[in-house]
């Protein structure tokens, strides 16, 4: 059963979103994972099931404001995404650049195959992580918020 569950959290963790200049092909990624699942169901089904368990554990960790656990779960999830073949060299480079420069965790966001990563940082490391990724890619500093996406009309336009 697929459903969206809203929950309260007072967590405002800092993140860096890293953005490549490459767009992913969601249809192709989904097709590749479907083919992998059909070819190796006994291997792929447990991976997908584990990803669901990680999402549930992460929800609890967010509610409890357990940053260390959230970081561990994000990194575990990224390893599983890698095993499904949805990562690219560009995304992987950003993930390891973020981790090497102080990110607590880093993983792809979206369907994979291009696009973006999200890196959980501390207030002390967010600038260093953003600067390191900015060497080759674009970044946006964001915060987790119960308010959802907010538009700052005074912010400069995105390039």
Protein backbone atom coordinates (compact mmCIF):
# COMPACT_ATOMS: atom_id res chain seq x y z
CA UNK A 1 0.00 0.00 0.00
CA UNK A 2 1.41 3.36 -1.05
CA UNK A 3 0.45 6.40 0.92
CA UNK A 4 1.77 9.75 2.03
CA UNK A 5 1.92 10.26 5.77
CA UNK A 6 2.22 13.72 7.30
CA UNK A 7 3.95 14.00 10.64
CA UNK A 8 5.10 16.72 12.99
CA UNK A 9 8.74 17.50 13.40
CA UNK A 10 10.53 20.53 14.76
CA UNK A 11 13.73 19.59 13.00
CA UNK A 12 15.38 22.23 10.84
CA UNK A 13 18.47 20.42 9.61
CA UNK A 14 20.64 22.15 7.02
CA UNK A 15 21.02 20.45 3.65
CA UNK A 16 22.92 21.19 0.48
CA UNK A 17 21.29 20.23 -2.77
CA UNK A 18 23.84 19.53 -5.48
CA UNK A 19 22.60 19.94 -9.04
CA UNK A 20 24.31 18.60 -12.15
CA UNK A 21 23.90 20.02 -15.61
CA UNK A 22 22.57 16.62 -16.69
CA UNK A 23 18.89 15.69 -16.73
CA UNK A 24 17.93 12.16 -15.83
CA UNK A 25 15.60 10.07 -17.95
CA UNK A 26 13.04 8.85 -15.41
CA UNK A 27 11.27 6.53 -17.87
CA UNK A 28 14.56 4.84 -18.77
CA UNK A 29 15.59 4.47 -15.10
CA UNK A 30 12.21 2.97 -14.16
CA UNK A 31 12.41 0.58 -17.12
CA UNK A 32 15.93 -0.52 -16.15
CA UNK A 33 14.92 -1.19 -12.54
CA UNK A 34 11.80 -3.05 -13.72
CA UNK A 35 13.94 -5.24 -15.99
CA UNK A 36 16.37 -5.91 -13.15
CA UNK A 37 13.44 -6.80 -10.87
CA UNK A 38 11.97 -9.17 -13.47
CA UNK A 39 15.34 -10.82 -14.09
CA UNK A 40 16.38 -11.15 -10.43
CA UNK A 41 13.21 -10.89 -8.31
CA UNK A 42 14.72 -12.85 -5.42
CA UNK A 43 17.52 -10.26 -5.20
CA UNK A 44 15.75 -7.02 -6.13
CA UNK A 45 12.53 -7.48 -4.12
CA UNK A 46 14.41 -7.56 -0.77
CA UNK A 47 16.34 -4.43 -1.77
CA UNK A 48 13.13 -2.55 -2.51
CA UNK A 49 11.55 -3.87 0.70
CA UNK A 50 14.58 -2.73 2.69
CA UNK A 51 14.31 0.73 1.15
CA UNK A 52 10.73 0.91 2.43
CA UNK A 53 11.89 -0.10 5.91
CA UNK A 54 14.58 2.58 5.78
CA UNK A 55 11.94 5.20 4.91
CA UNK A 56 9.84 4.14 7.91
CA UNK A 57 12.87 4.20 10.22
CA UNK A 58 13.81 7.63 8.87
CA UNK A 59 10.35 9.00 9.64
CA UNK A 60 10.73 7.91 13.27
CA UNK A 61 14.26 9.33 13.42
CA UNK A 62 13.05 12.68 12.04
CA UNK A 63 10.26 12.83 14.61
CA UNK A 64 12.81 12.07 17.36
CA UNK A 65 15.32 14.53 15.88
CA UNK A 66 17.95 11.75 15.76
CA UNK A 67 20.37 13.29 13.25
CA UNK A 68 22.95 10.50 13.56
CA UNK A 69 20.38 7.84 12.71
CA UNK A 70 19.00 9.88 9.82
CA UNK A 71 22.51 10.20 8.39
CA UNK A 72 23.13 6.45 8.69
CA UNK A 73 19.81 5.67 7.01
CA UNK A 74 20.42 8.13 4.17
CA UNK A 75 23.81 6.56 3.45
CA UNK A 76 22.35 3.02 3.63
CA UNK A 77 19.61 4.02 1.21
CA UNK A 78 22.19 5.43 -1.19
CA UNK A 79 24.04 2.12 -1.19
CA UNK A 80 20.83 0.33 -2.12
CA UNK A 81 20.11 2.85 -4.88
CA UNK A 82 23.61 2.17 -6.23
CA UNK A 83 22.85 -1.56 -6.28
CA UNK A 84 19.79 -0.88 -8.46
CA UNK A 85 21.91 1.02 -10.98
CA UNK A 86 20.22 4.41 -10.69
CA UNK A 87 23.40 6.34 -9.89
CA UNK A 88 25.72 8.08 -12.36
CA UNK A 89 29.35 9.12 -12.24
CA UNK A 90 28.34 12.79 -11.83
CA UNK A 91 26.01 12.09 -8.92
CA UNK A 92 28.48 9.73 -7.27
CA UNK A 93 31.24 12.34 -7.58
CA UNK A 94 29.03 14.91 -5.84
CA UNK A 95 28.02 12.44 -3.12
CA UNK A 96 31.62 11.62 -2.25
CA UNK A 97 32.72 15.25 -2.53
CA UNK A 98 30.00 16.19 -0.03
CA UNK A 99 30.91 13.38 2.37
CA UNK A 100 34.65 14.13 2.08
CA UNK A 101 33.96 17.77 3.00
CA UNK A 102 31.88 17.21 6.11
CA UNK A 103 28.39 16.13 5.03
CA UNK A 104 26.88 13.72 7.53
CA UNK A 105 25.11 11.92 4.69
CA UNK A 106 24.55 12.32 0.99
CA UNK A 107 22.29 10.55 -1.51
CA UNK A 108 20.62 11.01 -4.85
CA UNK A 109 17.19 12.54 -4.94
CA UNK A 110 14.55 11.89 -7.56
CA UNK A 111 14.69 8.88 -9.87
CA UNK A 112 18.44 9.04 -10.39
CA UNK A 113 20.27 8.98 -13.68
CA UNK A 114 21.17 12.68 -13.50
CA UNK A 115 19.75 15.64 -11.70
CA UNK A 116 20.43 16.13 -8.01
CA UNK A 117 21.75 14.93 -4.69
CA UNK A 118 20.84 16.00 -1.19
CA UNK A 119 23.46 16.21 1.56
CA UNK A 120 22.69 16.41 5.27
CA UNK A 121 25.13 18.82 6.92
CA UNK A 122 25.75 20.46 10.25
CA UNK A 123 25.64 24.24 10.64
CA UNK A 124 29.45 24.05 10.89
CA UNK A 125 29.95 22.18 7.61
CA UNK A 126 27.20 23.44 5.29
CA UNK A 127 29.33 26.20 3.72
CA UNK A 128 32.33 23.92 3.17
CA UNK A 129 30.14 21.23 1.58
CA UNK A 130 28.41 23.75 -0.71
CA UNK A 131 31.72 25.31 -1.77
CA UNK A 132 33.27 21.90 -2.53
CA UNK A 133 30.35 20.82 -4.72
CA UNK A 134 30.22 24.25 -6.40
CA UNK A 135 33.64 23.63 -7.95
CA UNK A 136 31.97 21.55 -10.70
CA UNK A 137 28.22 21.76 -10.04
CA UNK A 138 25.53 24.11 -8.72
CA UNK A 139 24.25 24.08 -5.14
CA UNK A 140 21.33 25.38 -3.13
CA UNK A 141 21.40 25.51 0.68
CA UNK A 142 18.07 24.35 2.09
CA UNK A 143 16.53 23.51 5.45
CA UNK A 144 14.12 20.75 6.35
CA UNK A 145 10.87 22.41 7.35
CA UNK A 146 7.39 21.36 8.38
CA UNK A 147 6.13 24.29 6.29
CA UNK A 148 7.13 22.68 3.00
CA UNK A 149 8.57 24.77 0.17
CA UNK A 150 8.61 28.50 0.78
CA UNK A 151 9.47 31.12 -1.82
CA UNK A 152 11.65 34.01 -0.69
CA UNK A 153 10.64 36.83 -3.02
CA UNK A 154 13.73 38.83 -1.99
CA UNK A 155 16.12 36.06 -3.00
CA UNK A 156 18.02 36.52 -6.24
CA UNK A 157 16.69 34.48 -9.17
CA UNK A 158 18.26 31.09 -9.84
CA UNK A 159 20.73 30.99 -12.73
